[in-house]
Amino acid sequence: MPSMASVLEDPSLERHFKGHKGAVICTDFNPNRKQLASGSVDKTLMIWNLAPKARAFRYVGHQDLITGVQFSPSGHLVATSSKDRTVRLWTPTMKGESTVFKAHTATVRSVAFSHDGQRLVTASDDKSVKVWSVHRQCFLYSLNQHTNWVRCARFSPDSHLIASCGDDRTVRLWDTSTKHCINCFTDPAESATFVGFNSSGTCIASSGADSSLKIWDLRTNKLIQHYQVHSAGINSFSFHPSNNYLISGSSDSTVKILDLVEGRLIYTLHGHKGAVITVAFSRAGDLFASGGADGQVLMWRTNFDKKSYQDVLQQHSRRSTPDPAPHLTDIHPRTPHLHRQQRSAIQISPAVADTQSIDPHVIELGRSVHSATLLSGRTHLTPTQAADNGRPSNGLPARHGASSGVGGWMGDESTTSRAGAAVWTGESGGGRGRREEEEEEEEERGQTHPLEVLSGHPSSLDCTLRHIVKQLDILTQTVSVLEERLSLTEDKLKDCLLNQSQILKDVRSSGERRRRTESQETDGSPIHFT
């Protein structure tokens, strides 16, 4: 029999939150440890208060599904990205105010703050990674070497590096000072769906649509661990702040917990009905959240990180079925090798309905007629101006299917609530480009894509099309350069306007002083009568 001590270390389901009307695509904890944010296919941002019986807030504004969410380091702002090609900065209060960045020319897959909270990085289907100023609320620069959709981008803990990954099957590392790609990790197997740094910034990990998870050491630029523990594509993962553990969520409906020190799987969590699309540790690591196709957000208590690592190992050794010895190749110097699922991993299947939580009272903010004012590439919405008209910018009815920073969601709002009714394409569709997915959408509408009609023509047409694609890539880079110059011009114009206004104030004040002086002299001079 396992000892009671080993049972106490296991993770446990703390609460579950219901309020979304579609699949939950992204989650993040507030650094103040009092709130949890989630974004969904239903186009809304939910802020869940972790205090018992506290109210939840639903923020409406995006015109298509939300693909990414993150709190600022201070916890005073929440950034969201969306398929509607915009990024919003929300103030998580009752006012529900948000500022809109007209970010990209295609779906924005992810958004993340820098460590100091001064910058945002976004990744998009337009094959670019862009960096924005939070304080000035303007575009700074673009990174353009990906050749297909960019699924995810993240700052390093010191904000000196940016990691990005995409459907071109590469993980790229960028220097934020030179804006150059300094390293490129390629994976010939499948597209990379998610990327992230560990808390010390010494390693990055990437997950793939082929169910693999790889960890590279940035000090040696070598692959040091390779895990193949899921049976379907990995949609999201999160490092524990201690760097000893990592959680991953997959389309196989499970959350798995990896021991990175020993290089093995230690827990498999069952709680979602359908794909697990997002997982996230809290900043302290004592909690983690998972969200999925069933529209639920589950909050788990970590537990296994409470004791020292040596105590955990000793308790594992007292199990009736002890875990296998660690991989010898994990002892330095490490070499690339594959970690497969071990049968001794603990399976946890909590009864979700038996948790202590009850559905919180939800307050909806920001629903009214859309009336936005465009200011230098961004829009500011007050609570009375926020929008949810159910239609994208092209005037067509909104499709409740799209993608987060990890894959494409094929299905609609009415089906995502049923287990297995919708399919997360990170499981099998990773690596497909925009052209293939657009062809599928056209087939669903009963139309034929023009490229299908031309597919039987000679190879010279293919060369022509490739040339056109290259020209479009050059055009995209040119537009990015123009955006940078426009931002600089805008800043200079602002400075000029400020200087002019200051000069006008000085002129007016000097004129007033002159008039006062003249009036005083007139009042004090003797009056002569003739």
Foldseek 3Di string as FASTA:
>chain_A
DADPVLVLLAWFFFAKAFDDLFFWFEKAAQLVRQWIWTWGLSQWIKIDGPPAQDAIEIAHFDLGGWFEWYAANNRQWMWIFFQLQWIWIFGPDQFGWIKIFNHDPGGWFYWDAALNRQKIWIFFQVQKIWIAGPVVGATAFIAHDGPGGKLDKDAANNRQWIWTWALSQKIWIAGPVVRDTPDIDGDVPFGWQYKDAANVRQKMWTWAQCQKIWIAGPVVRATFAIEREDPFGWQEKEAQNVNQKMWTWFQVQWIWIAGLLLRATAEIEHEDQGGWRYKYAHPNRQKMWIIGLLNMIIIMGSSNPPDDPVVSQVSLVSDPDHDDGGDPQSPPPHHYDYYYHDPNHYYHYDDNVPHPGDHHHYDYFQDEDADWDDDLRMTIATRRHRYHPQPRPVRDHHASWAHHSGATKPDGSVQSNDRPSTGGCSGPPTSDGPVVVVQVVCVVVVHGDPVVVCVPPDCVVVVVVVVVSVVVSVVVNVVSVVSNVVVVVVVVVVVVVVVVVVVVVVVVVVVVVVVVVVVVVVVPDDDDDD
